Amino acid sequence: MKKAIFLLGIFFNSFLFAQKTDAKNPVQQTVSDVSSLPDFNVIKTKLDLKQVVTKADTLPEFPGGMNAFKRKYFENIETLDLKNNEKIDIRLYFIVEKNGYVRNVTAVSKNKKHAEEAEQGVRRIFARWKPAKINGEAVRYLFYFPLTSKKYN
């Protein structure tokens, strides 16, 4: 069996839904707006999507920035065994709450073991984020990360 690790190929700096809203006309997205996510039917049963936004005037900030989050995340995930050129295809979702804590973590993948490990990587990080804000008010913010892998011989 060959070992694999997640690459830093995750687009931490260009999140799928990390877009700012117009300060004069902020758009607060709710579950109906999140319904365009690729795994909406799955995540709506696993995550509390009440009052979740995917756009904000100010995005959530991890202490030390996104590079620090990236480093912590990859320190906290286990190496996965891949068989016969198996590729990792995981979509990771988590919510940064109004108080800055991460809650409601879930990952979607065909391989249950890979999904569980991706979730644990986030859950093992005990840090408080600066919450996302719209018009100066803290909001619940949904992050979506597609995770990929590369094998090393």
N, C-alpha and C. Protein backbone atom coordinates (compact mmCIF):
# COMPACT_ATOMS: atom_id res chain seq x y z
N MET A 1 0.83 -1.18 0.00
CA MET A 1 0.00 0.00 0.00
C MET A 1 0.87 1.24 0.00
N LYS A 2 0.41 2.22 -0.69
CA LYS A 2 1.15 3.46 -0.72
C LYS A 2 0.48 4.46 0.22
N LYS A 3 1.31 5.26 0.83
CA LYS A 3 0.79 6.27 1.75
C LYS A 3 0.52 7.56 0.96
N ALA A 4 -0.42 8.31 1.42
CA ALA A 4 -0.72 9.58 0.77
C ALA A 4 -0.99 10.64 1.83
N ILE A 5 -0.71 11.83 1.49
CA ILE A 5 -1.08 12.94 2.36
C ILE A 5 -1.83 13.95 1.53
N PHE A 6 -2.61 14.74 2.21
CA PHE A 6 -3.31 15.81 1.52
C PHE A 6 -2.30 16.85 1.10
N LEU A 7 -2.43 17.34 -0.09
CA LEU A 7 -1.55 18.41 -0.55
C LEU A 7 -2.06 19.75 -0.06
N LEU A 8 -1.22 20.68 -0.11
CA LEU A 8 -1.65 22.03 0.21
C LEU A 8 -2.36 22.61 -1.00
N GLY A 9 -2.94 21.75 -1.80
CA GLY A 9 -3.67 22.15 -2.99
C GLY A 9 -5.06 22.66 -2.67
N ILE A 10 -5.35 22.77 -1.41
CA ILE A 10 -6.64 23.32 -1.02
C ILE A 10 -6.58 24.81 -1.25
N PHE A 11 -7.60 25.34 -1.77
CA PHE A 11 -7.60 26.75 -2.11
C PHE A 11 -8.00 27.59 -0.90
N PHE A 12 -7.11 27.61 0.13
CA PHE A 12 -7.40 28.34 1.36
C PHE A 12 -7.52 29.84 1.11
N ASN A 13 -6.77 30.34 0.18
CA ASN A 13 -6.80 31.78 -0.04
C ASN A 13 -7.88 32.20 -1.01
N SER A 14 -8.47 31.26 -1.73
CA SER A 14 -9.54 31.61 -2.66
C SER A 14 -10.71 30.65 -2.44
N PHE A 15 -11.37 30.82 -1.30
CA PHE A 15 -12.49 29.97 -0.94
C PHE A 15 -13.58 30.08 -1.98
N LEU A 16 -14.29 28.99 -2.18
CA LEU A 16 -15.36 28.99 -3.15
C LEU A 16 -16.39 30.07 -2.87
N PHE A 17 -16.73 30.27 -1.61
CA PHE A 17 -17.75 31.25 -1.28
C PHE A 17 -17.20 32.44 -0.49
N ALA A 18 -15.92 32.67 -0.54
CA ALA A 18 -15.35 33.79 0.20
C ALA A 18 -15.40 35.05 -0.65
N GLN A 19 -16.54 35.67 -0.68
CA GLN A 19 -16.73 36.88 -1.45
C GLN A 19 -17.32 37.94 -0.55
N LYS A 20 -16.97 39.18 -0.81
CA LYS A 20 -17.51 40.27 -0.01
C LYS A 20 -18.81 40.76 -0.62
N THR A 21 -19.66 41.30 0.24
CA THR A 21 -20.90 41.88 -0.24
C THR A 21 -20.74 43.37 -0.35
N ASP A 22 -21.62 44.01 -1.05
CA ASP A 22 -21.64 45.46 -1.16
C ASP A 22 -22.06 46.02 0.19
N ALA A 23 -21.23 46.91 0.77
CA ALA A 23 -21.51 47.43 2.11
C ALA A 23 -22.83 48.20 2.17
N LYS A 24 -23.24 48.81 1.06
CA LYS A 24 -24.49 49.56 1.04
C LYS A 24 -25.70 48.64 0.94
N ASN A 25 -25.50 47.47 0.38
CA ASN A 25 -26.60 46.53 0.20
C ASN A 25 -26.13 45.11 0.52
N PRO A 26 -25.88 44.81 1.80
CA PRO A 26 -25.36 43.47 2.14
C PRO A 26 -26.39 42.39 1.85
N VAL A 27 -25.89 41.29 1.37
CA VAL A 27 -26.75 40.15 1.07
C VAL A 27 -26.49 39.10 2.12
N GLN A 28 -27.49 38.77 2.91
CA GLN A 28 -27.33 37.71 3.89
C GLN A 28 -27.91 36.45 3.27
N GLN A 29 -27.06 35.50 3.01
CA GLN A 29 -27.52 34.27 2.38
C GLN A 29 -28.00 33.30 3.45
N THR A 30 -29.09 32.66 3.16
CA THR A 30 -29.66 31.68 4.08
C THR A 30 -29.64 30.33 3.41
N VAL A 31 -30.30 29.37 4.02
CA VAL A 31 -30.29 28.01 3.49
C VAL A 31 -30.70 27.97 2.03
N SER A 32 -31.67 28.76 1.63
CA SER A 32 -32.11 28.72 0.23
C SER A 32 -30.98 29.13 -0.71
N ASP A 33 -30.08 30.03 -0.27
CA ASP A 33 -28.95 30.43 -1.10
C ASP A 33 -27.84 29.38 -1.08
N VAL A 34 -27.72 28.66 0.01
CA VAL A 34 -26.69 27.64 0.15
C VAL A 34 -27.09 26.38 -0.62
N SER A 35 -28.33 26.32 -1.05
CA SER A 35 -28.83 25.12 -1.71
C SER A 35 -28.12 24.81 -3.03
N SER A 36 -27.32 25.74 -3.51
CA SER A 36 -26.58 25.48 -4.75
C SER A 36 -25.28 24.72 -4.49
N LEU A 37 -24.94 24.47 -3.22
CA LEU A 37 -23.74 23.70 -2.91
C LEU A 37 -23.86 22.30 -3.49
N PRO A 38 -22.74 21.72 -3.93
CA PRO A 38 -22.79 20.39 -4.55
C PRO A 38 -23.37 19.31 -3.66
N ASP A 39 -23.23 19.42 -2.36
CA ASP A 39 -23.68 18.39 -1.43
C ASP A 39 -24.81 18.87 -0.53
N PHE A 40 -25.61 19.80 -1.01
CA PHE A 40 -26.63 20.41 -0.16
C PHE A 40 -27.54 19.39 0.49
N ASN A 41 -28.01 18.40 -0.25
CA ASN A 41 -28.93 17.40 0.31
C ASN A 41 -28.31 16.62 1.46
N VAL A 42 -27.00 16.45 1.44
CA VAL A 42 -26.32 15.74 2.52
C VAL A 42 -26.05 16.68 3.69
N ILE A 43 -25.49 17.85 3.40
CA ILE A 43 -25.09 18.73 4.51
C ILE A 43 -26.28 19.34 5.24
N LYS A 44 -27.42 19.48 4.58
CA LYS A 44 -28.58 20.05 5.29
C LYS A 44 -29.06 19.12 6.40
N THR A 45 -28.73 17.83 6.30
CA THR A 45 -29.11 16.89 7.37
C THR A 45 -28.04 16.82 8.46
N LYS A 46 -26.81 17.27 8.16
CA LYS A 46 -25.71 17.15 9.11
C LYS A 46 -25.31 18.48 9.76
N LEU A 47 -25.63 19.59 9.13
CA LEU A 47 -25.24 20.90 9.64
C LEU A 47 -26.46 21.73 9.98
N ASP A 48 -26.32 22.58 10.96
CA ASP A 48 -27.36 23.54 11.30
C ASP A 48 -27.14 24.76 10.41
N LEU A 49 -27.92 24.89 9.35
CA LEU A 49 -27.72 25.95 8.36
C LEU A 49 -28.58 27.19 8.62
N LYS A 50 -29.17 27.30 9.80
CA LYS A 50 -29.98 28.47 10.11
C LYS A 50 -29.09 29.72 10.15
N GLN A 51 -29.49 30.72 9.41
CA GLN A 51 -28.82 32.02 9.36
C GLN A 51 -27.34 31.92 8.98
N VAL A 52 -26.98 30.96 8.13
CA VAL A 52 -25.62 30.82 7.65
C VAL A 52 -25.43 31.72 6.44
N VAL A 53 -24.27 32.37 6.38
CA VAL A 53 -23.93 33.19 5.21
C VAL A 53 -22.71 32.62 4.52
N THR A 54 -22.60 32.92 3.26
CA THR A 54 -21.43 32.54 2.50
C THR A 54 -20.75 33.76 1.89
N LYS A 55 -21.28 34.93 2.18
CA LYS A 55 -20.68 36.20 1.78
C LYS A 55 -20.76 37.13 2.97
N ALA A 56 -19.71 37.94 3.16
CA ALA A 56 -19.70 38.86 4.29
C ALA A 56 -18.82 40.06 3.97
N ASP A 57 -19.07 41.16 4.69
CA ASP A 57 -18.23 42.35 4.54
C ASP A 57 -16.82 42.05 5.01
N THR A 58 -16.72 41.36 6.15
CA THR A 58 -15.45 40.95 6.74
C THR A 58 -15.48 39.44 6.91
N LEU A 59 -14.51 38.76 6.31
CA LEU A 59 -14.45 37.30 6.40
C LEU A 59 -13.88 36.86 7.75
N PRO A 60 -14.18 35.65 8.18
CA PRO A 60 -13.59 35.14 9.43
C PRO A 60 -12.07 35.11 9.33
N GLU A 61 -11.40 35.34 10.45
CA GLU A 61 -9.94 35.32 10.48
C GLU A 61 -9.46 34.34 11.53
N PHE A 62 -8.56 33.46 11.12
CA PHE A 62 -7.92 32.53 12.04
C PHE A 62 -6.74 33.25 12.69
N PRO A 63 -6.47 33.02 14.00
CA PRO A 63 -5.32 33.66 14.64
C PRO A 63 -4.03 33.34 13.89
N GLY A 64 -3.35 34.36 13.43
CA GLY A 64 -2.13 34.15 12.66
C GLY A 64 -2.37 34.09 11.17
N GLY A 65 -3.61 34.12 10.74
CA GLY A 65 -3.92 34.13 9.31
C GLY A 65 -4.18 32.75 8.74
N MET A 66 -4.50 32.71 7.46
CA MET A 66 -4.85 31.47 6.80
C MET A 66 -3.67 30.51 6.67
N ASN A 67 -2.46 31.05 6.56
CA ASN A 67 -1.31 30.14 6.51
C ASN A 67 -1.16 29.38 7.82
N ALA A 68 -1.44 30.04 8.93
CA ALA A 68 -1.38 29.38 10.23
C ALA A 68 -2.47 28.30 10.33
N PHE A 69 -3.66 28.60 9.82
CA PHE A 69 -4.73 27.60 9.81
C PHE A 69 -4.33 26.41 8.95
N LYS A 70 -3.81 26.69 7.77
CA LYS A 70 -3.39 25.64 6.85
C LYS A 70 -2.36 24.73 7.52
N ARG A 71 -1.37 25.33 8.17
CA ARG A 71 -0.32 24.56 8.85
C ARG A 71 -0.91 23.71 9.98
N LYS A 72 -1.77 24.31 10.81
CA LYS A 72 -2.40 23.57 11.91
C LYS A 72 -3.25 22.42 11.38
N TYR A 73 -4.01 22.68 10.32
CA TYR A 73 -4.88 21.65 9.78
C TYR A 73 -4.06 20.44 9.34
N PHE A 74 -3.01 20.67 8.58
CA PHE A 74 -2.22 19.55 8.07
C PHE A 74 -1.39 18.87 9.15
N GLU A 75 -1.11 19.56 10.25
CA GLU A 75 -0.45 18.91 11.39
C GLU A 75 -1.42 17.97 12.09
N ASN A 76 -2.71 18.24 11.97
CA ASN A 76 -3.71 17.49 12.72
C ASN A 76 -4.42 16.39 11.94
N ILE A 77 -4.03 16.14 10.72
CA ILE A 77 -4.65 15.04 9.99
C ILE A 77 -3.67 13.87 9.91
N GLU A 78 -4.23 12.70 9.84
CA GLU A 78 -3.43 11.48 9.76
C GLU A 78 -3.11 11.17 8.30
N THR A 79 -2.03 10.45 8.10
CA THR A 79 -1.69 9.97 6.77
C THR A 79 -2.69 8.87 6.40
N LEU A 80 -3.16 8.90 5.17
CA LEU A 80 -4.15 7.92 4.73
C LEU A 80 -3.50 6.89 3.81
N ASP A 81 -3.98 5.68 3.90
CA ASP A 81 -3.53 4.63 2.99
C ASP A 81 -4.39 4.67 1.73
N LEU A 82 -3.72 4.66 0.59
CA LEU A 82 -4.43 4.62 -0.68
C LEU A 82 -4.10 3.33 -1.39
N LYS A 83 -5.08 2.76 -2.04
CA LYS A 83 -4.90 1.50 -2.75
C LYS A 83 -5.12 1.71 -4.24
N ASN A 84 -4.27 1.11 -5.05
CA ASN A 84 -4.46 1.05 -6.51
C ASN A 84 -4.85 2.40 -7.13
N ASN A 85 -3.98 3.36 -6.98
CA ASN A 85 -4.17 4.69 -7.57
C ASN A 85 -5.45 5.38 -7.11
N GLU A 86 -5.93 5.05 -5.93
CA GLU A 86 -7.11 5.69 -5.37
C GLU A 86 -6.84 7.17 -5.18
N LYS A 87 -7.80 7.98 -5.52
CA LYS A 87 -7.67 9.42 -5.34
C LYS A 87 -8.58 9.85 -4.20
N ILE A 88 -8.17 10.91 -3.53
CA ILE A 88 -8.99 11.45 -2.46
C ILE A 88 -9.85 12.56 -3.03
N ASP A 89 -11.13 12.43 -2.84
CA ASP A 89 -12.09 13.44 -3.28
C ASP A 89 -13.02 13.72 -2.11
N ILE A 90 -12.70 14.77 -1.38
CA ILE A 90 -13.45 15.11 -0.17
C ILE A 90 -13.90 16.56 -0.26
N ARG A 91 -15.12 16.80 0.17
CA ARG A 91 -15.62 18.16 0.26
C ARG A 91 -15.90 18.42 1.73
N LEU A 92 -15.15 19.35 2.31
CA LEU A 92 -15.20 19.65 3.74
C LEU A 92 -15.99 20.93 3.97
N TYR A 93 -16.91 20.88 4.94
CA TYR A 93 -17.73 22.03 5.29
C TYR A 93 -17.63 22.26 6.79
N PHE A 94 -17.51 23.54 7.19
CA PHE A 94 -17.62 23.87 8.62
C PHE A 94 -18.10 25.29 8.77
N ILE A 95 -18.67 25.56 9.95
CA ILE A 95 -19.26 26.86 10.22
C ILE A 95 -18.46 27.55 11.32
N VAL A 96 -18.05 28.80 11.05
CA VAL A 96 -17.46 29.64 12.09
C VAL A 96 -18.63 30.42 12.68
N GLU A 97 -18.90 30.16 13.95
CA GLU A 97 -20.05 30.75 14.62
C GLU A 97 -19.82 32.23 14.95
N LYS A 98 -20.88 32.89 15.39
CA LYS A 98 -20.82 34.31 15.75
C LYS A 98 -19.82 34.58 16.86
N ASN A 99 -19.60 33.60 17.73
CA ASN A 99 -18.65 33.76 18.84
C ASN A 99 -17.22 33.39 18.44
N GLY A 100 -17.00 32.96 17.18
CA GLY A 100 -15.67 32.66 16.68
C GLY A 100 -15.26 31.20 16.78
N TYR A 101 -16.08 30.37 17.40
CA TYR A 101 -15.75 28.96 17.51
C TYR A 101 -16.26 28.19 16.29
N VAL A 102 -15.54 27.14 15.92
CA VAL A 102 -15.93 26.30 14.80
C VAL A 102 -16.86 25.21 15.31
N ARG A 103 -18.00 25.11 14.66
CA ARG A 103 -18.99 24.09 15.00
C ARG A 103 -19.49 23.48 13.69
N ASN A 104 -20.26 22.42 13.81
CA ASN A 104 -20.91 21.84 12.64
C ASN A 104 -19.92 21.50 11.53
N VAL A 105 -19.01 20.60 11.81
CA VAL A 105 -18.03 20.16 10.82
C VAL A 105 -18.54 18.90 10.15
N THR A 106 -18.47 18.85 8.84
CA THR A 106 -18.80 17.61 8.13
C THR A 106 -18.00 17.53 6.84
N ALA A 107 -17.74 16.33 6.42
CA ALA A 107 -17.04 16.09 5.16
C ALA A 107 -17.84 15.08 4.36
N VAL A 108 -17.83 15.25 3.06
CA VAL A 108 -18.55 14.35 2.16
C VAL A 108 -17.53 13.69 1.24
N SER A 109 -17.55 12.36 1.21
CA SER A 109 -16.64 11.60 0.37
C SER A 109 -17.20 10.20 0.16
N LYS A 110 -16.78 9.55 -0.90
CA LYS A 110 -17.17 8.16 -1.12
C LYS A 110 -16.50 7.25 -0.09
N ASN A 111 -15.33 7.66 0.40
CA ASN A 111 -14.59 6.88 1.38
C ASN A 111 -14.86 7.45 2.77
N LYS A 112 -15.59 6.72 3.58
CA LYS A 112 -15.99 7.19 4.91
C LYS A 112 -14.78 7.48 5.81
N LYS A 113 -13.75 6.66 5.73
CA LYS A 113 -12.55 6.85 6.55
C LYS A 113 -11.86 8.17 6.21
N HIS A 114 -11.77 8.48 4.94
CA HIS A 114 -11.15 9.74 4.52
C HIS A 114 -11.97 10.94 5.00
N ALA A 115 -13.28 10.83 4.90
CA ALA A 115 -14.16 11.92 5.34
C ALA A 115 -14.02 12.15 6.85
N GLU A 116 -13.99 11.07 7.61
CA GLU A 116 -13.85 11.19 9.07
C GLU A 116 -12.53 11.85 9.45
N GLU A 117 -11.46 11.48 8.76
CA GLU A 117 -10.16 12.08 9.07
C GLU A 117 -10.13 13.56 8.69
N ALA A 118 -10.75 13.93 7.60
CA ALA A 118 -10.82 15.34 7.21
C ALA A 118 -11.57 16.16 8.26
N GLU A 119 -12.65 15.61 8.78
CA GLU A 119 -13.41 16.28 9.84
C GLU A 119 -12.57 16.42 11.10
N GLN A 120 -11.87 15.36 11.48
CA GLN A 120 -11.06 15.39 12.69
C GLN A 120 -9.95 16.43 12.60
N GLY A 121 -9.42 16.64 11.42
CA GLY A 121 -8.38 17.66 11.24
C GLY A 121 -8.85 19.03 11.68
N VAL A 122 -10.09 19.37 11.40
CA VAL A 122 -10.66 20.66 11.82
C VAL A 122 -11.00 20.62 13.30
N ARG A 123 -11.59 19.54 13.76
CA ARG A 123 -12.00 19.44 15.17
C ARG A 123 -10.82 19.47 16.15
N ARG A 124 -9.65 19.07 15.70
CA ARG A 124 -8.47 19.05 16.57
C ARG A 124 -7.83 20.43 16.74
N ILE A 125 -8.30 21.41 16.02
CA ILE A 125 -7.75 22.76 16.13
C ILE A 125 -8.59 23.53 17.15
N PHE A 126 -7.98 23.82 18.28
CA PHE A 126 -8.69 24.53 19.34
C PHE A 126 -8.27 25.99 19.33
N ALA A 127 -8.88 26.75 18.44
CA ALA A 127 -8.58 28.17 18.33
C ALA A 127 -9.88 28.92 18.03
N ARG A 128 -9.91 30.13 18.48
CA ARG A 128 -11.08 30.97 18.26
C ARG A 128 -10.80 31.93 17.12
N TRP A 129 -11.66 31.92 16.13
CA TRP A 129 -11.56 32.80 14.98
C TRP A 129 -12.18 34.16 15.31
N LYS A 130 -11.79 35.18 14.55
CA LYS A 130 -12.57 36.42 14.54
C LYS A 130 -13.73 36.13 13.61
N PRO A 131 -14.96 36.33 14.06
CA PRO A 131 -16.10 35.95 13.23
C PRO A 131 -16.28 36.85 12.01
N ALA A 132 -16.99 36.34 11.03
CA ALA A 132 -17.36 37.13 9.86
C ALA A 132 -18.34 38.20 10.31
N LYS A 133 -18.36 39.32 9.58
CA LYS A 133 -19.27 40.41 9.94
C LYS A 133 -19.96 40.98 8.71
N ILE A 134 -21.21 41.34 8.93
CA ILE A 134 -21.98 42.09 7.94
C ILE A 134 -22.53 43.30 8.68
N ASN A 135 -22.23 44.49 8.16
CA ASN A 135 -22.63 45.75 8.81
C ASN A 135 -22.22 45.80 10.28
N GLY A 136 -21.03 45.27 10.59
CA GLY A 136 -20.51 45.30 11.95
C GLY A 136 -21.07 44.25 12.88
N GLU A 137 -22.02 43.45 12.42
CA GLU A 137 -22.64 42.39 13.23
C GLU A 137 -21.98 41.05 12.90
N ALA A 138 -21.64 40.29 13.93
CA ALA A 138 -21.08 38.96 13.72
C ALA A 138 -22.14 38.04 13.12
N VAL A 139 -21.72 37.20 12.19
CA VAL A 139 -22.64 36.27 11.51
C VAL A 139 -22.02 34.88 11.48
N ARG A 140 -22.87 33.87 11.25
CA ARG A 140 -22.41 32.49 11.08
C ARG A 140 -21.94 32.34 9.64
N TYR A 141 -20.73 31.82 9.45
CA TYR A 141 -20.12 31.76 8.12
C TYR A 141 -19.79 30.32 7.76
N LEU A 142 -20.23 29.90 6.58
CA LEU A 142 -20.00 28.53 6.10
C LEU A 142 -18.79 28.50 5.18
N PHE A 143 -17.79 27.69 5.56
CA PHE A 143 -16.63 27.44 4.70
C PHE A 143 -16.84 26.14 3.95
N TYR A 144 -16.37 26.11 2.72
CA TYR A 144 -16.44 24.92 1.87
C TYR A 144 -15.07 24.73 1.25
N PHE A 145 -14.45 23.56 1.48
CA PHE A 145 -13.15 23.24 0.92
C PHE A 145 -13.21 21.94 0.13
N PRO A 146 -12.89 21.98 -1.13
CA PRO A 146 -12.67 20.72 -1.84
C PRO A 146 -11.24 20.26 -1.56
N LEU A 147 -11.07 19.04 -1.07
CA LEU A 147 -9.75 18.50 -0.77
C LEU A 147 -9.34 17.49 -1.83
N THR A 148 -8.08 17.55 -2.22
CA THR A 148 -7.55 16.60 -3.20
C THR A 148 -6.28 15.99 -2.64
N SER A 149 -5.75 14.99 -3.31
CA SER A 149 -4.54 14.34 -2.84
C SER A 149 -3.57 14.08 -3.97
N LYS A 150 -2.35 13.79 -3.55
CA LYS A 150 -1.32 13.37 -4.49
C LYS A 150 -0.53 12.29 -3.78
N LYS A 151 -0.16 11.26 -4.52
CA LYS A 151 0.58 10.16 -3.91
C LYS A 151 2.07 10.37 -4.08
N TYR A 152 2.80 9.95 -3.05
CA TYR A 152 4.26 10.00 -3.08
C TYR A 152 4.75 8.56 -2.97
N ASN A 153 5.69 8.20 -3.80
CA ASN A 153 6.23 6.83 -3.77
C ASN A 153 7.34 6.72 -2.77
